Protein backbone atom coordinates (compact mmCIF):
# COMPACT_ATOMS: atom_id res chain seq x y z
CA UNK A 1 118.60 147.24 97.34
CA UNK A 2 115.58 146.53 99.51
CA UNK A 3 115.55 147.63 103.11
CA UNK A 4 114.64 144.09 104.14
CA UNK A 5 117.35 142.22 105.96
CA UNK A 6 118.98 139.16 104.47
CA UNK A 7 117.00 137.04 106.94
CA UNK A 8 113.76 138.63 105.70
CA UNK A 9 114.65 137.87 102.09
CA UNK A 10 115.54 134.24 102.87
CA UNK A 11 112.58 133.58 105.17
CA UNK A 12 110.55 131.70 102.56
CA UNK A 13 113.45 129.32 101.98
CA UNK A 14 114.09 128.97 105.71
CA UNK A 15 110.43 128.17 106.38
CA UNK A 16 110.25 125.37 103.81
CA UNK A 17 109.27 122.00 105.19
CA UNK A 18 107.64 118.92 103.82
CA UNK A 19 104.02 118.22 104.68
CA UNK A 20 103.42 114.45 104.83
CA UNK A 21 101.19 113.35 101.94
CA UNK A 22 98.70 111.91 104.45
CA UNK A 23 98.25 115.44 105.79
CA UNK A 24 97.35 116.97 102.41
CA UNK A 25 93.78 117.50 101.24
CA UNK A 26 91.73 119.52 98.77
CA UNK A 27 92.00 121.96 97.27
CA UNK A 28 94.97 121.27 95.06
CA UNK A 29 96.32 123.86 92.66
CA UNK A 30 94.08 124.25 89.62
CA UNK A 31 95.63 123.85 86.17
CA UNK A 32 96.60 127.53 85.82
CA UNK A 33 98.18 127.59 89.29
CA UNK A 34 100.03 124.34 88.64
CA UNK A 35 101.47 125.78 85.44
CA UNK A 36 102.57 128.86 87.37
CA UNK A 37 104.26 126.66 90.01
CA UNK A 38 106.02 124.73 87.25
CA UNK A 39 107.13 128.02 85.67
CA UNK A 40 109.08 128.71 88.86
CA UNK A 41 110.21 125.10 89.27
CA UNK A 42 111.97 124.98 85.90
CA UNK A 43 114.29 127.85 86.82
CA UNK A 44 117.04 125.43 87.79
CA UNK A 45 120.59 124.84 86.59
CA UNK A 46 120.37 123.14 83.20
CA UNK A 47 123.78 122.79 81.59
CA UNK A 48 123.52 122.94 77.83
CA UNK A 49 119.87 124.03 78.01
CA UNK A 50 118.77 120.41 77.58
CA UNK A 51 115.53 120.65 79.61
CA UNK A 52 116.19 117.08 80.77
CA UNK A 53 112.86 116.63 82.55
CA UNK A 54 109.15 116.61 82.00
CA UNK A 55 106.04 116.34 84.17
CA UNK A 56 103.07 114.04 84.55
CA UNK A 57 100.12 115.06 86.73
CA UNK A 58 98.11 112.40 88.54
CA UNK A 59 94.77 113.56 89.97
CA UNK A 60 91.26 112.42 90.77
CA UNK A 61 90.30 108.85 89.91
CA UNK A 62 93.69 108.28 88.25
CA UNK A 63 95.27 108.23 91.74
CA UNK A 64 93.02 105.36 92.84
CA UNK A 65 93.52 103.46 89.58
CA UNK A 66 97.28 103.73 90.00
CA UNK A 67 96.92 102.58 93.61
CA UNK A 68 95.03 99.44 92.52
CA UNK A 69 97.79 98.66 90.03
CA UNK A 70 100.46 99.25 92.68
CA UNK A 71 98.72 96.89 95.11
CA UNK A 72 98.65 94.16 92.45
CA UNK A 73 102.25 94.86 91.41
CA UNK A 74 103.36 94.81 95.03
CA UNK A 75 101.95 91.29 95.40
CA UNK A 76 103.93 90.20 92.32
CA UNK A 77 107.11 91.80 93.65
CA UNK A 78 106.63 90.25 97.08
CA UNK A 79 104.14 87.36 97.22
CA UNK A 80 104.69 87.22 101.00
CA UNK A 81 103.64 90.84 101.51
CA UNK A 82 101.12 91.30 104.29
CA UNK A 83 97.80 93.08 103.91
CA UNK A 84 99.20 96.24 105.55
CA UNK A 85 101.92 96.53 102.89
CA UNK A 86 99.44 95.92 100.08
CA UNK A 87 97.06 98.52 101.51
CA UNK A 88 99.92 101.01 101.83
CA UNK A 89 100.61 100.58 98.12
CA UNK A 90 96.91 100.88 97.29
CA UNK A 91 96.67 104.19 99.15
CA UNK A 92 100.11 105.52 98.20
CA UNK A 93 98.74 108.14 95.79
CA UNK A 94 95.31 108.68 97.33
CA UNK A 95 96.09 111.21 100.06
CA UNK A 96 97.22 114.38 98.29
CA UNK A 97 94.76 115.61 95.66
CA UNK A 98 97.58 116.16 93.14
CA UNK A 99 100.74 114.22 92.46
CA UNK A 100 103.26 115.48 89.93
CA UNK A 101 105.75 112.94 88.66
CA UNK A 102 109.02 114.63 87.70
CA UNK A 103 110.58 112.54 84.96
CA UNK A 104 114.29 112.84 84.11
CA UNK A 105 115.26 112.38 80.48
CA UNK A 106 118.64 110.69 80.42
CA UNK A 107 119.29 109.58 76.86
CA UNK A 108 122.72 109.77 75.22
CA UNK A 109 124.30 113.21 75.19
CA UNK A 110 127.82 113.89 73.93
CA UNK A 111 128.33 117.01 76.04
CA UNK A 112 126.26 116.90 79.22
CA UNK A 113 126.83 113.91 81.53
CA UNK A 114 123.79 111.94 82.66
CA UNK A 115 124.57 112.78 86.29
CA UNK A 116 124.23 116.52 85.60
CA UNK A 117 120.88 116.01 83.89
CA UNK A 118 119.64 113.85 86.75
CA UNK A 119 120.73 116.48 89.28
CA UNK A 120 118.89 119.12 87.26
CA UNK A 121 115.71 117.04 87.49
CA UNK A 122 116.27 116.72 91.24
CA UNK A 123 116.56 120.50 91.47
CA UNK A 124 113.17 120.75 89.71
CA UNK A 125 111.65 118.51 92.39
CA UNK A 126 112.95 120.73 95.15
CA UNK A 127 112.01 123.94 93.37
CA UNK A 128 108.47 122.61 92.94
CA UNK A 129 108.29 121.99 96.69
CA UNK A 130 109.37 125.58 97.31
CA UNK A 131 106.93 126.98 94.74
CA UNK A 132 104.03 125.01 96.20
CA UNK A 133 104.74 126.28 99.70
CA UNK A 134 105.20 129.87 98.49
CA UNK A 135 101.73 129.59 96.91
CA UNK A 136 100.19 128.44 100.20
CA UNK A 137 100.11 124.71 99.52
CA UNK A 138 101.88 121.85 101.26
CA UNK A 139 103.99 119.33 99.40
CA UNK A 140 106.14 116.26 99.87
CA UNK A 141 108.73 114.68 97.57
CA UNK A 142 108.42 110.88 97.64
CA UNK A 143 109.89 108.03 95.64
CA UNK A 144 109.60 104.52 97.11
CA UNK A 145 109.76 101.39 95.01
CA UNK A 146 107.28 102.69 92.38
CA UNK A 147 109.85 105.28 91.26
CA UNK A 148 112.27 102.49 90.33
CA UNK A 149 109.96 99.79 89.01
CA UNK A 150 109.99 99.11 85.25
CA UNK A 151 106.33 98.07 85.18
CA UNK A 152 105.27 101.33 86.86
CA UNK A 153 107.41 103.26 84.37
CA UNK A 154 105.60 101.44 81.57
CA UNK A 155 102.15 102.31 83.01
CA UNK A 156 103.15 105.96 83.23
CA UNK A 157 104.38 106.04 79.64
CA UNK A 158 108.09 106.53 80.30
CA UNK A 159 110.51 105.92 77.46
CA UNK A 160 113.53 103.64 77.94
CA UNK A 161 115.81 106.64 78.61
CA UNK A 162 113.52 108.21 81.24
CA UNK A 163 113.50 107.80 85.03
CA UNK A 164 111.16 109.03 87.75
CA UNK A 165 113.05 111.52 89.88
CA UNK A 166 110.24 112.02 92.32
CA UNK A 167 106.53 112.07 92.96
CA UNK A 168 105.65 115.51 94.32
CA UNK A 169 102.45 115.28 96.37
CA UNK A 170 100.69 118.66 96.57
CA UNK A 171 97.57 119.85 98.40
CA UNK A 172 96.30 121.98 101.23
CA UNK A 173 97.85 121.11 104.59
CA UNK A 174 95.47 119.75 107.23
CA UNK A 175 97.81 120.97 109.96
CA UNK A 176 100.86 123.11 110.60
CA UNK A 177 103.90 120.89 110.38
CA UNK A 178 106.31 121.54 113.24
CA UNK A 179 109.88 122.47 112.50
CA UNK A 180 112.40 119.69 112.85
CA UNK A 181 116.03 119.91 113.83
CA UNK A 182 118.18 121.08 110.92
CA UNK A 183 121.93 120.61 110.48
CA UNK A 184 124.24 123.41 111.51
CA UNK A 185 126.08 124.50 108.36
CA UNK A 186 129.13 125.43 110.45
CA UNK A 187 129.66 121.72 111.15
CA UNK A 188 129.43 120.94 107.43
CA UNK A 189 131.65 123.67 105.98
CA UNK A 190 135.37 123.27 105.52
CA UNK A 191 137.77 125.44 103.62
CA UNK A 192 140.13 123.89 101.14
CA UNK A 193 143.65 125.23 101.11
CA UNK A 194 146.41 124.07 98.78
């Protein structure tokens, strides 16, 4: 066993924090680095070895094209939307240089409940955040209405049994994000006794 203390070994996990997508800039991970991050991210619980997720990268001009579509779709969804809301949708994917959509695959399965497969995809989102930070990048897991909109799912090529679990925005942080207050696990832990 290493001579490092338990706190030393858990420091990377303890230091994890989201960097707001507006505070992410170039460079983003290159293709080889992204694949290495994903290699770590897929090491999550996966009952039945179903691999119930896949990835879609959104970079470069594709981010702006998606933003234009979102602005138009936002107007359809809410014809009363103000210009600020439309502009927010237009710029939603333009800040971080790389966005990875984590897509849960939730088709029929006789043995593994949909909930477990969805949770596995959620674990991938979180593991990708951790991998990005360990590699020196910043990242943020976002959803918002585009993650739940059927038209957006169609644009991104999702099948009927697929759902967006999260959009992971990745880039180089423009600033050090301050720590925020975290819950005290002692207040959350109870012991069950029969």
